[in-house]
Amino acid sequence: MNDFDDEPYDDGFGEEEEGDQLVAEDWPTVHTPVPVWVMLAGLSAKAYLMYAFLAEHINARIQNPNRRIACPKQKAIAVVLELADDRQVATYRKELEALGAIRTEKYRYAGGMRQGYKYFVRFNPPAGYQGQLRLRDFYNAHPEFKSAAKWEGRTEAAKKTAAAATVPAQAKPAAKPKPAPAREARKKAAEVPLAPEVLKVLEAFRPELREAMRETAHTDAPKTLVTAVTKALKERTAEQLVSRVLRRWTTHGYAEKFETGRLERPVGAAVAMLRHGECPDAGCEDGELLADGEPCVLCIERGKNYKADHKAAREAKKAAAATAASRLLCPGCEQDRGTEGALCPLCVTGFENDVAGTAERAAEDAAKMENVPAEWSDAKARVLAEAEQARERVRREGADVLGQLLAAQFAARSAATDLHRLRLATLDADGDRPQEPGDEPEAAPEMPVMYGADPAPCSGARWDGSPCGRTTEAEDGLCGVCRGAQMAQHEDLAAAR
């Protein structure tokens, strides 16, 4: 209910006989609360409708003003306001914000790729609001509506005053409504004839592009495009601009976009076709100098830099992809076995088998000794114990699984080597060291190694027995890594004997 009922509209003079009458035939059951101060604030019709649409989104049971938020899609608001382009909603949003009827906040969704608005609807006027707040304020500001003639029950003075107001000869002529400034400006701009050079350039655009501009901007000569043509004519002739737009329609890909339906802003495309290129030389026209028709050196250098930057970006992307792929490889065998960069079960088994085999060889050495030292009475158990101690020590220091297995392998081999040397020392002391066939170390390959053979896979093997996988051009068929490992093995055998 409004607050005007405490001051009767008819001034206590009976029933209204002339003028409009408002009769409430049915009480509304579904309605949107629109405050009186918003209705009397002088908003445009579409801004008022937008406020009502936003207010309808607010839950009436919410008491916290910080939660009175409406988040309709901008396209939905455009449908309610009957707008052809949803970007026009911004005009009425700014009008409501200037009044203080709403407050908006931007937010991102769809992974930050899209933007939306949160509308905080204000039902009470903002602080310092000086507009009309009640219906009484409206009638106080417009006494001509409040003093409408009521012929029954009025005094003679009231009748004469009302009659004088209704005499056509004494009545003031109705003021002609002033057109909106923006509409008047567009009307005057439309009445100004365009220069022949501007018309020549505008007519050079493809017919399908001009038709698309008429559909979106309702004209094939929008103000933005006319301004761009006028600016471009200061640097180029009309003929040169005609050649530019005809050439760029194809070379800049606008024809393909139009055919595939990806040309969303025809006016923007037309303006882009008119602009000077990125070359700093004012005399350059798409890579060619207007003065002599020679290629533009600056454009050539820019093209080289662009290709170099593009190549560097491509290589960086490729290197990043290779780095990411290498993180998925097993650090032991360097194969992608689905372990996401962890040591694969095959490599773990290989390390464990190597430690166990080293312990067995130590036990065999101990069995061949006549007087086994007490500390080597159980050689196999001692080798395994030292390997486990080394593994536990590096685990406490923060080593990963591969580091732990390498430490265990090194400790086992060191312990087995110590026992083997002890056994050989006892044999040398007795002077009856047996000469077993095959004990002599093989001669190390002579250096230098000849290269020049066709590239072929290395014939060597990794520690777990798997093929090396590297490529070599050496005549002995070994890569540098496998050759070094073989030479180190020969030196270890020679030193052990």
Protein backbone atom coordinates (compact mmCIF):
# COMPACT_ATOMS: atom_id res chain seq x y z
CA MET A 1 0.00 0.00 0.00
CA ASN A 2 1.17 3.54 -0.65
CA ASP A 3 1.36 6.29 1.94
CA PHE A 4 -0.93 8.69 0.05
CA ASP A 5 -4.17 7.43 1.63
CA ASP A 6 -3.71 9.53 4.76
CA GLU A 7 -4.14 12.61 2.53
CA PRO A 8 -7.31 11.88 0.50
CA TYR A 9 -6.92 12.22 -3.22
CA ASP A 10 -10.37 13.78 -3.72
CA ASP A 11 -9.90 16.32 -0.89
CA GLY A 12 -13.15 15.07 0.68
CA PHE A 13 -15.37 16.34 -2.13
CA GLY A 14 -17.29 13.23 -3.06
CA GLU A 15 -16.86 10.89 -6.02
CA GLU A 16 -14.67 11.55 -9.05
CA GLU A 17 -16.76 12.23 -12.16
CA GLU A 18 -14.11 13.28 -14.65
CA GLY A 19 -10.62 11.98 -15.37
CA ASP A 20 -9.14 8.44 -15.27
CA GLN A 21 -10.22 5.98 -12.65
CA LEU A 22 -8.15 3.07 -11.31
CA VAL A 23 -10.19 0.16 -10.04
CA ALA A 24 -8.48 -2.87 -8.47
CA GLU A 25 -10.59 -5.77 -9.67
CA ASP A 26 -8.32 -8.47 -8.27
CA TRP A 27 -5.53 -8.49 -5.72
CA PRO A 28 -2.21 -9.64 -7.22
CA THR A 29 -1.03 -13.02 -6.04
CA VAL A 30 2.32 -13.01 -7.91
CA HIS A 31 4.09 -9.67 -7.98
CA THR A 32 7.55 -8.12 -7.87
CA PRO A 33 8.27 -5.56 -5.13
CA VAL A 34 9.54 -2.34 -6.75
CA PRO A 35 10.17 0.50 -4.27
CA VAL A 36 8.34 3.79 -4.82
CA TRP A 37 11.59 5.78 -4.89
CA VAL A 38 12.81 3.66 -7.82
CA MET A 39 9.54 4.23 -9.66
CA LEU A 40 9.75 8.03 -9.13
CA ALA A 41 13.50 8.33 -9.87
CA GLY A 42 13.02 9.10 -13.58
CA LEU A 43 14.54 5.90 -14.92
CA SER A 44 14.08 4.90 -18.52
CA ALA A 45 11.43 2.28 -19.14
CA LYS A 46 13.95 -0.49 -19.88
CA ALA A 47 16.09 0.36 -16.84
CA TYR A 48 12.96 0.19 -14.66
CA LEU A 49 12.04 -3.15 -16.24
CA MET A 50 15.56 -4.44 -15.66
CA TYR A 51 15.34 -3.48 -11.96
CA ALA A 52 12.02 -5.33 -11.64
CA PHE A 53 13.49 -8.39 -13.34
CA LEU A 54 16.51 -8.40 -11.00
CA ALA A 55 14.34 -7.81 -7.92
CA GLU A 56 12.23 -10.85 -8.81
CA HIS A 57 15.36 -13.02 -8.46
CA ILE A 58 15.80 -12.03 -4.79
CA ASN A 59 14.48 -14.46 -2.19
CA ALA A 60 12.08 -12.53 0.05
CA ARG A 61 13.09 -14.60 3.08
CA ILE A 62 16.72 -13.46 2.93
CA GLN A 63 17.35 -10.92 5.70
CA ASN A 64 21.07 -10.40 5.13
CA PRO A 65 21.49 -7.65 2.51
CA ASN A 66 24.88 -9.08 1.48
CA ARG A 67 23.10 -12.20 0.24
CA ARG A 68 20.44 -10.43 -1.83
CA ILE A 69 22.22 -11.35 -5.03
CA ALA A 70 20.76 -11.89 -8.49
CA CYS A 71 22.85 -13.65 -11.13
CA PRO A 72 20.76 -13.92 -14.31
CA LYS A 73 22.47 -14.36 -17.64
CA GLN A 74 22.98 -11.18 -19.61
CA LYS A 75 21.24 -12.80 -22.57
CA ALA A 76 18.19 -13.47 -20.35
CA ILE A 77 18.05 -9.80 -19.37
CA ALA A 78 18.29 -8.83 -23.05
CA VAL A 79 15.30 -11.05 -23.87
CA VAL A 80 13.19 -9.43 -21.13
CA LEU A 81 14.20 -5.95 -22.31
CA GLU A 82 13.64 -6.96 -25.95
CA LEU A 83 17.18 -6.04 -26.98
CA ALA A 84 18.67 -7.33 -30.21
CA ASP A 85 22.20 -7.36 -28.75
CA ASP A 86 22.83 -8.42 -25.16
CA ARG A 87 25.74 -5.97 -24.97
CA GLN A 88 23.14 -3.17 -24.82
CA VAL A 89 22.27 -4.36 -21.31
CA ALA A 90 25.32 -2.42 -20.09
CA THR A 91 23.54 0.89 -20.81
CA TYR A 92 20.70 0.15 -18.40
CA ARG A 93 23.00 -1.50 -15.87
CA LYS A 94 25.04 1.71 -15.68
CA GLU A 95 21.83 3.74 -15.33
CA LEU A 96 20.73 1.67 -12.31
CA GLU A 97 24.24 1.85 -10.83
CA ALA A 98 24.29 5.64 -11.16
CA LEU A 99 20.97 5.84 -9.32
CA GLY A 100 22.25 3.51 -6.60
CA ALA A 101 19.45 1.00 -7.15
CA ILE A 102 21.90 -1.86 -7.75
CA ARG A 103 25.55 -2.67 -7.15
CA THR A 104 27.41 -5.07 -9.44
CA GLU A 105 30.47 -7.25 -9.07
CA LYS A 106 32.25 -9.12 -11.84
CA TYR A 107 33.21 -12.77 -11.45
CA ARG A 108 34.83 -15.43 -13.58
CA TYR A 109 33.62 -18.94 -14.32
CA ALA A 110 34.26 -21.79 -16.79
CA GLY A 111 37.89 -21.92 -15.71
CA GLY A 112 38.27 -18.14 -15.92
CA MET A 113 37.34 -18.05 -19.60
CA ARG A 114 33.96 -16.35 -19.11
CA GLN A 115 32.77 -13.34 -17.17
CA GLY A 116 29.49 -12.72 -15.38
CA TYR A 117 27.90 -10.19 -13.05
CA LYS A 118 26.51 -10.44 -9.53
CA TYR A 119 23.69 -7.93 -9.03
CA PHE A 120 23.15 -6.69 -5.46
CA VAL A 121 19.64 -5.19 -5.47
CA ARG A 122 19.02 -2.21 -3.16
CA PHE A 123 15.43 -1.74 -1.98
CA ASN A 124 16.10 1.32 0.20
CA PRO A 125 17.51 4.53 -1.28
CA PRO A 126 21.25 5.11 -0.85
CA ALA A 127 22.59 7.59 1.70
CA GLY A 128 22.20 11.18 0.55
CA TYR A 129 19.46 10.40 -1.97
CA GLN A 130 17.57 13.65 -2.76
CA GLY A 131 14.86 12.30 -5.05
CA GLN A 132 11.19 11.66 -4.36
CA LEU A 133 10.63 8.92 -1.81
CA ARG A 134 6.82 8.67 -1.53
CA LEU A 135 3.77 9.17 -3.67
CA ARG A 136 2.95 12.26 -1.59
CA ASP A 137 6.25 13.82 -2.74
CA PHE A 138 5.20 13.32 -6.34
CA TYR A 139 1.84 15.08 -5.92
CA ASN A 140 3.44 17.83 -3.89
CA ALA A 141 5.82 18.41 -6.81
CA HIS A 142 2.90 18.33 -9.28
CA PRO A 143 -0.04 20.23 -7.74
CA GLU A 144 -1.75 20.43 -11.13
CA PHE A 145 -2.61 16.74 -10.86
CA LYS A 146 -3.79 16.99 -7.25
CA SER A 147 -6.17 19.92 -7.99
CA ALA A 148 -8.13 18.19 -10.75
CA ALA A 149 -11.66 19.58 -11.15
CA LYS A 150 -14.36 17.90 -9.05
CA TRP A 151 -17.62 19.53 -10.00
CA GLU A 152 -19.91 18.01 -7.37
CA GLY A 153 -19.79 19.54 -3.88
CA ARG A 154 -17.14 22.21 -4.67
CA THR A 155 -17.41 25.90 -3.96
CA GLU A 156 -18.03 28.43 -6.70
CA ALA A 157 -14.42 29.60 -6.46
CA ALA A 158 -13.15 26.09 -6.99
CA LYS A 159 -15.48 25.66 -9.98
CA LYS A 160 -14.32 28.94 -11.56
CA THR A 161 -10.69 28.02 -11.02
CA ALA A 162 -11.17 24.61 -12.56
CA ALA A 163 -13.20 26.01 -15.44
CA ALA A 164 -10.55 28.60 -16.20
CA ALA A 165 -7.96 25.84 -16.34
CA THR A 166 -10.05 23.90 -18.87
CA VAL A 167 -10.83 26.80 -21.29
CA PRO A 168 -8.86 26.14 -24.48
CA ALA A 169 -8.19 29.84 -25.12
CA GLN A 170 -6.52 30.31 -21.74
CA ALA A 171 -4.77 27.01 -21.57
CA LYS A 172 -1.03 26.98 -22.23
CA PRO A 173 0.02 25.10 -25.33
CA ALA A 174 1.43 21.71 -24.56
CA ALA A 175 5.20 21.69 -24.61
CA LYS A 176 6.64 19.65 -27.42
CA PRO A 177 8.74 16.81 -25.98
CA LYS A 178 12.41 17.27 -26.60
CA PRO A 179 14.07 14.43 -28.42
CA ALA A 180 16.72 12.46 -26.59
CA PRO A 181 20.22 13.93 -27.06
CA ALA A 182 21.70 10.70 -28.38
CA ARG A 183 18.83 10.18 -30.83
CA GLU A 184 19.07 13.80 -31.99
CA ALA A 185 22.83 13.46 -32.50
CA ARG A 186 22.34 10.30 -34.58
CA LYS A 187 19.67 12.03 -36.60
CA LYS A 188 21.90 15.01 -37.34
CA ALA A 189 24.82 12.73 -38.17
CA ALA A 190 22.65 10.79 -40.60
CA GLU A 191 21.62 13.99 -42.33
CA VAL A 192 25.25 15.05 -43.00
CA PRO A 193 26.25 13.84 -46.48
CA LEU A 194 29.46 11.82 -46.71
CA ALA A 195 32.39 12.92 -48.82
CA PRO A 196 32.78 11.22 -52.22
CA GLU A 197 36.13 9.68 -51.18
CA VAL A 198 34.51 8.16 -48.07
CA LEU A 199 31.63 6.77 -50.11
CA LYS A 200 34.09 5.29 -52.60
CA VAL A 201 35.92 3.42 -49.87
CA LEU A 202 32.70 2.25 -48.20
CA GLU A 203 31.38 0.88 -51.49
CA ALA A 204 34.63 -1.11 -51.95
CA PHE A 205 33.75 -3.50 -49.15
CA ARG A 206 32.36 -6.84 -50.23
CA PRO A 207 28.55 -6.96 -50.63
CA GLU A 208 28.24 -9.82 -48.14
CA LEU A 209 30.18 -7.83 -45.53
CA ARG A 210 27.98 -4.77 -46.06
CA GLU A 211 24.88 -6.90 -45.74
CA ALA A 212 26.23 -8.35 -42.48
CA MET A 213 26.84 -4.81 -41.17
CA ARG A 214 23.27 -3.87 -42.00
CA GLU A 215 22.01 -6.85 -40.04
CA THR A 216 24.11 -6.11 -36.94
CA ALA A 217 24.51 -2.30 -36.97
CA HIS A 218 21.39 -1.50 -39.04
CA THR A 219 23.55 0.41 -41.53
CA ASP A 220 26.47 -0.29 -43.85
CA ALA A 221 28.06 3.06 -42.93
CA PRO A 222 28.26 3.08 -39.12
CA LYS A 223 29.91 6.03 -37.44
CA THR A 224 32.90 3.94 -36.29
CA LEU A 225 33.65 2.83 -39.83
CA VAL A 226 33.18 6.33 -41.29
CA THR A 227 35.60 7.71 -38.70
CA ALA A 228 38.15 5.01 -39.57
CA VAL A 229 37.84 5.79 -43.29
CA THR A 230 38.26 9.52 -42.67
CA LYS A 231 41.37 8.90 -40.58
CA ALA A 232 42.88 6.51 -43.14
CA LEU A 233 42.32 9.03 -45.95
CA LYS A 234 44.83 11.34 -44.26
CA GLU A 235 47.62 8.84 -45.10
CA ARG A 236 46.35 7.11 -48.23
CA THR A 237 44.28 7.96 -51.27
CA ALA A 238 40.83 6.52 -51.81
CA GLU A 239 42.17 4.22 -54.54
CA GLN A 240 44.88 2.89 -52.25
CA LEU A 241 42.36 2.21 -49.49
CA VAL A 242 40.08 0.43 -51.97
CA SER A 243 42.97 -1.85 -52.94
CA ARG A 244 43.78 -2.40 -49.27
CA VAL A 245 40.30 -3.57 -48.23
CA LEU A 246 39.89 -5.76 -51.32
CA ARG A 247 43.28 -7.38 -50.72
CA ARG A 248 42.89 -7.89 -46.99
CA TRP A 249 39.44 -9.43 -47.32
CA THR A 250 41.27 -12.52 -48.62
CA THR A 251 44.84 -12.29 -47.30
CA HIS A 252 43.80 -11.59 -43.70
CA GLY A 253 41.34 -14.48 -43.64
CA TYR A 254 38.08 -12.52 -43.36
CA ALA A 255 36.57 -14.28 -46.39
CA GLU A 256 37.20 -17.69 -44.82
CA LYS A 257 35.77 -16.57 -41.49
CA PHE A 258 32.66 -15.25 -43.20
CA GLU A 259 32.12 -18.48 -45.14
CA THR A 260 32.54 -20.61 -42.03
CA GLY A 261 30.30 -18.39 -39.89
CA ARG A 262 33.10 -17.21 -37.56
CA LEU A 263 32.90 -13.52 -38.48
CA GLU A 264 30.98 -12.34 -35.41
CA ARG A 265 31.61 -8.56 -35.65
CA PRO A 266 31.40 -7.31 -39.24
CA VAL A 267 31.95 -3.66 -38.30
CA GLY A 268 35.08 -4.53 -36.35
CA ALA A 269 36.40 -6.55 -39.29
CA ALA A 270 35.80 -3.62 -41.67
CA VAL A 271 37.63 -1.22 -39.36
CA ALA A 272 40.54 -3.68 -38.99
CA MET A 273 40.90 -3.92 -42.76
CA LEU A 274 41.34 -0.13 -42.95
CA ARG A 275 44.02 0.27 -40.30
CA HIS A 276 47.70 0.65 -41.07
CA GLY A 277 49.73 -2.50 -40.54
CA GLU A 278 52.22 -3.18 -37.77
CA CYS A 279 55.20 -1.93 -39.79
CA PRO A 280 56.63 1.32 -38.34
CA ASP A 281 57.37 2.63 -41.86
CA ALA A 282 54.46 4.87 -42.90
CA GLY A 283 55.23 4.20 -46.56
CA CYS A 284 54.87 0.44 -46.22
CA GLU A 285 51.71 -1.14 -47.54
CA ASP A 286 51.43 -4.76 -46.37
CA GLY A 287 55.13 -5.49 -46.90
CA GLU A 288 55.65 -3.39 -50.04
CA LEU A 289 56.90 0.18 -50.26
CA LEU A 290 54.56 2.52 -52.13
CA ALA A 291 57.42 4.70 -53.38
CA ASP A 292 59.20 2.11 -55.55
CA GLY A 293 57.29 -1.14 -55.09
CA GLU A 294 60.26 -2.84 -53.43
CA PRO A 295 59.83 -5.22 -50.49
CA CYS A 296 59.95 -3.55 -47.10
CA VAL A 297 63.18 -4.41 -45.25
CA LEU A 298 61.57 -3.81 -41.87
CA CYS A 299 58.78 -6.27 -42.67
CA ILE A 300 61.32 -8.86 -43.80
CA GLU A 301 63.21 -8.52 -40.51
CA ARG A 302 59.98 -8.62 -38.55
CA GLY A 303 59.05 -11.80 -40.39
CA LYS A 304 62.40 -13.37 -39.51
CA ASN A 305 62.01 -12.39 -35.88
CA TYR A 306 58.49 -13.78 -35.84
CA LYS A 307 59.67 -17.09 -37.30
CA ALA A 308 62.56 -17.24 -34.84
CA ASP A 309 60.27 -16.51 -31.90
CA HIS A 310 57.74 -19.03 -33.16
CA LYS A 311 60.47 -21.66 -33.57
CA ALA A 312 61.85 -20.94 -30.10
CA ALA A 313 58.38 -21.20 -28.59
CA ARG A 314 57.77 -24.46 -30.46
CA GLU A 315 61.09 -25.92 -29.30
CA ALA A 316 60.46 -24.79 -25.75
CA LYS A 317 57.06 -26.44 -25.84
CA LYS A 318 58.62 -29.59 -27.28
CA ALA A 319 61.34 -29.58 -24.60
CA ALA A 320 58.74 -29.09 -21.89
CA ALA A 321 56.76 -32.02 -23.28
CA ALA A 322 59.92 -34.15 -23.40
CA THR A 323 60.75 -33.18 -19.82
CA ALA A 324 57.25 -34.07 -18.72
CA ALA A 325 57.50 -37.40 -20.55
CA SER A 326 60.91 -38.13 -19.00
CA ARG A 327 59.41 -37.73 -15.54
CA LEU A 328 57.27 -40.77 -16.33
CA LEU A 329 60.26 -43.00 -17.17
CA CYS A 330 61.75 -45.51 -14.78
CA PRO A 331 65.10 -44.09 -13.56
CA GLY A 332 66.65 -47.55 -13.67
CA CYS A 333 65.90 -48.77 -17.19
CA GLU A 334 64.71 -45.43 -18.63
CA GLN A 335 61.55 -47.08 -19.95
CA ASP A 336 57.93 -46.02 -19.50
CA ARG A 337 56.55 -48.99 -17.61
CA GLY A 338 53.57 -47.18 -16.10
CA THR A 339 55.26 -46.40 -12.79
CA GLU A 340 54.89 -42.58 -13.14
CA GLY A 341 58.63 -41.96 -12.68
CA ALA A 342 59.17 -44.48 -9.89
CA LEU A 343 61.47 -47.49 -10.11
CA CYS A 344 59.75 -50.28 -12.00
CA PRO A 345 59.34 -53.76 -10.47
CA LEU A 346 61.69 -55.25 -13.07
CA CYS A 347 64.55 -52.99 -11.95
CA VAL A 348 63.81 -53.60 -8.27
CA THR A 349 63.98 -57.35 -8.89
CA GLY A 350 67.24 -56.93 -10.81
CA PHE A 351 68.91 -55.05 -7.95
CA GLU A 352 67.71 -57.59 -5.39
CA ASN A 353 68.87 -60.51 -7.52
CA ASP A 354 72.29 -58.88 -7.94
CA VAL A 355 72.68 -58.52 -4.15
CA ALA A 356 71.58 -62.13 -3.64
CA GLY A 357 73.99 -63.38 -6.34
CA THR A 358 76.85 -61.42 -4.75
CA ALA A 359 76.09 -63.08 -1.39
CA GLU A 360 76.13 -66.53 -3.05
CA ARG A 361 79.54 -65.84 -4.63
CA ALA A 362 80.87 -64.74 -1.24
CA ALA A 363 79.63 -67.99 0.27
CA GLU A 364 81.43 -69.95 -2.49
CA ASP A 365 84.70 -68.09 -1.74
CA ALA A 366 84.36 -68.87 1.97
CA ALA A 367 83.77 -72.55 1.18
CA LYS A 368 87.03 -72.71 -0.76
CA MET A 369 89.07 -71.38 2.18
CA GLU A 370 90.70 -73.89 4.55
CA ASN A 371 90.71 -71.57 7.57
CA VAL A 372 87.74 -69.27 7.42
CA PRO A 373 87.96 -66.27 9.76
CA ALA A 374 85.31 -66.20 12.44
CA GLU A 375 83.73 -63.05 11.11
CA TRP A 376 83.25 -64.81 7.73
CA SER A 377 81.83 -68.03 9.11
CA ASP A 378 78.51 -67.20 7.49
CA ALA A 379 79.66 -65.13 4.48
CA LYS A 380 76.25 -65.04 2.81
CA ALA A 381 74.50 -63.69 5.89
CA ARG A 382 77.21 -61.09 6.46
CA VAL A 383 77.01 -59.77 2.88
CA LEU A 384 73.23 -59.54 3.09
CA ALA A 385 73.44 -57.85 6.51
CA GLU A 386 75.87 -55.21 5.28
CA ALA A 387 73.71 -54.55 2.23
CA GLU A 388 70.63 -54.10 4.44
CA GLN A 389 72.50 -51.81 6.84
CA ALA A 390 73.65 -49.60 3.95
CA ARG A 391 70.13 -49.49 2.56
CA GLU A 392 68.64 -48.49 5.92
CA ARG A 393 71.30 -45.80 6.45
CA VAL A 394 70.61 -43.99 3.18
CA ARG A 395 66.85 -44.38 3.70
CA ARG A 396 67.13 -42.41 6.96
CA GLU A 397 69.10 -39.78 5.06
CA GLY A 398 66.18 -39.30 2.65
CA ALA A 399 67.26 -41.37 -0.35
CA ASP A 400 64.62 -42.73 -2.71
CA VAL A 401 64.13 -46.40 -3.64
CA LEU A 402 66.75 -46.26 -6.39
CA GLY A 403 69.33 -44.74 -4.03
CA GLN A 404 68.61 -47.35 -1.41
CA LEU A 405 69.03 -50.23 -3.85
CA LEU A 406 72.26 -48.76 -5.26
CA ALA A 407 73.67 -48.40 -1.74
CA ALA A 408 72.74 -52.01 -0.93
CA GLN A 409 74.32 -53.23 -4.18
CA PHE A 410 77.54 -51.31 -3.57
CA ALA A 411 77.82 -52.55 0.03
CA ALA A 412 77.24 -56.19 -1.01
CA ARG A 413 79.83 -56.02 -3.78
CA SER A 414 82.38 -54.35 -1.48
CA ALA A 415 81.94 -57.02 1.17
CA ALA A 416 82.20 -59.85 -1.37
CA THR A 417 85.34 -58.25 -2.90
CA ASP A 418 86.99 -58.02 0.53
CA LEU A 419 86.36 -61.74 1.15
CA HIS A 420 87.65 -62.65 -2.32
CA ARG A 421 90.87 -60.69 -1.77
CA LEU A 422 91.28 -62.32 1.65
CA ARG A 423 91.00 -65.75 0.05
CA LEU A 424 93.57 -64.86 -2.65
CA ALA A 425 95.95 -63.54 0.01
CA THR A 426 95.82 -66.82 1.92
CA LEU A 427 96.55 -68.72 -1.28
CA ASP A 428 99.59 -66.53 -2.06
CA ALA A 429 100.89 -67.04 1.48
CA ASP A 430 100.71 -70.81 1.11
CA GLY A 431 102.45 -70.64 -2.30
CA ASP A 432 100.07 -73.11 -3.87
CA ARG A 433 97.66 -70.79 -5.66
CA PRO A 434 95.90 -73.00 -8.26
CA GLN A 435 95.96 -72.06 -11.83
CA GLU A 436 92.42 -72.47 -12.95
CA PRO A 437 91.65 -72.41 -16.64
CA GLY A 438 89.99 -69.27 -17.73
CA ASP A 439 91.26 -67.25 -14.76
CA GLU A 440 93.51 -65.09 -16.89
CA PRO A 441 91.85 -61.75 -17.62
CA GLU A 442 91.07 -60.99 -21.16
CA ALA A 443 93.20 -58.39 -22.78
CA ALA A 444 91.64 -54.96 -22.73
CA PRO A 445 90.81 -53.55 -26.16
CA GLU A 446 93.64 -51.60 -27.60
CA MET A 447 93.25 -47.89 -28.05
CA PRO A 448 92.49 -45.95 -30.07
CA VAL A 449 89.27 -47.45 -31.29
CA MET A 450 88.63 -47.02 -34.98
CA TYR A 451 85.46 -45.22 -36.01
CA GLY A 452 83.84 -44.88 -39.38
CA ALA A 453 81.56 -47.88 -39.51
CA ASP A 454 77.89 -47.48 -40.30
CA PRO A 455 75.76 -46.52 -37.29
CA ALA A 456 74.50 -49.66 -35.59
CA PRO A 457 73.05 -50.63 -32.19
CA CYS A 458 75.64 -51.17 -29.47
CA SER A 459 76.40 -54.86 -28.83
CA GLY A 460 76.93 -54.28 -25.11
CA ALA A 461 74.49 -54.95 -22.29
CA ARG A 462 73.29 -53.05 -19.25
CA TRP A 463 73.84 -54.20 -15.67
CA ASP A 464 70.57 -56.18 -15.69
CA GLY A 465 71.42 -58.00 -18.94
CA SER A 466 69.11 -55.94 -21.15
CA PRO A 467 70.48 -54.58 -24.46
CA CYS A 468 72.29 -51.27 -24.27
CA GLY A 469 70.08 -49.60 -26.89
CA ARG A 470 72.59 -46.91 -27.85
CA THR A 471 73.94 -46.33 -31.35
CA THR A 472 77.65 -46.46 -32.15
CA GLU A 473 79.92 -46.03 -35.17
CA ALA A 474 82.90 -47.83 -33.60
CA GLU A 475 84.30 -50.85 -35.40
CA ASP A 476 84.26 -52.94 -32.22
CA GLY A 477 80.49 -52.49 -32.01
CA LEU A 478 80.56 -50.92 -28.52
CA CYS A 479 79.50 -47.47 -27.44
CA GLY A 480 81.72 -45.41 -25.18
CA VAL A 481 79.75 -46.31 -22.03
CA CYS A 482 79.86 -50.06 -22.59
CA ARG A 483 83.54 -49.93 -23.60
CA GLY A 484 84.40 -48.04 -20.40
CA ALA A 485 82.44 -50.54 -18.31
CA GLN A 486 84.24 -53.44 -19.99
CA MET A 487 87.65 -51.90 -19.37
CA ALA A 488 86.78 -51.24 -15.71
CA GLN A 489 85.73 -54.87 -15.35
CA HIS A 490 89.06 -56.05 -16.76
CA GLU A 491 90.95 -53.80 -14.34
CA ASP A 492 88.91 -55.08 -11.35
CA LEU A 493 89.61 -58.69 -12.32
CA ALA A 494 93.30 -57.97 -12.79
CA ALA A 495 93.53 -56.26 -9.40
CA ALA A 496 91.61 -59.08 -7.69
CA ARG A 497 93.99 -61.71 -9.06
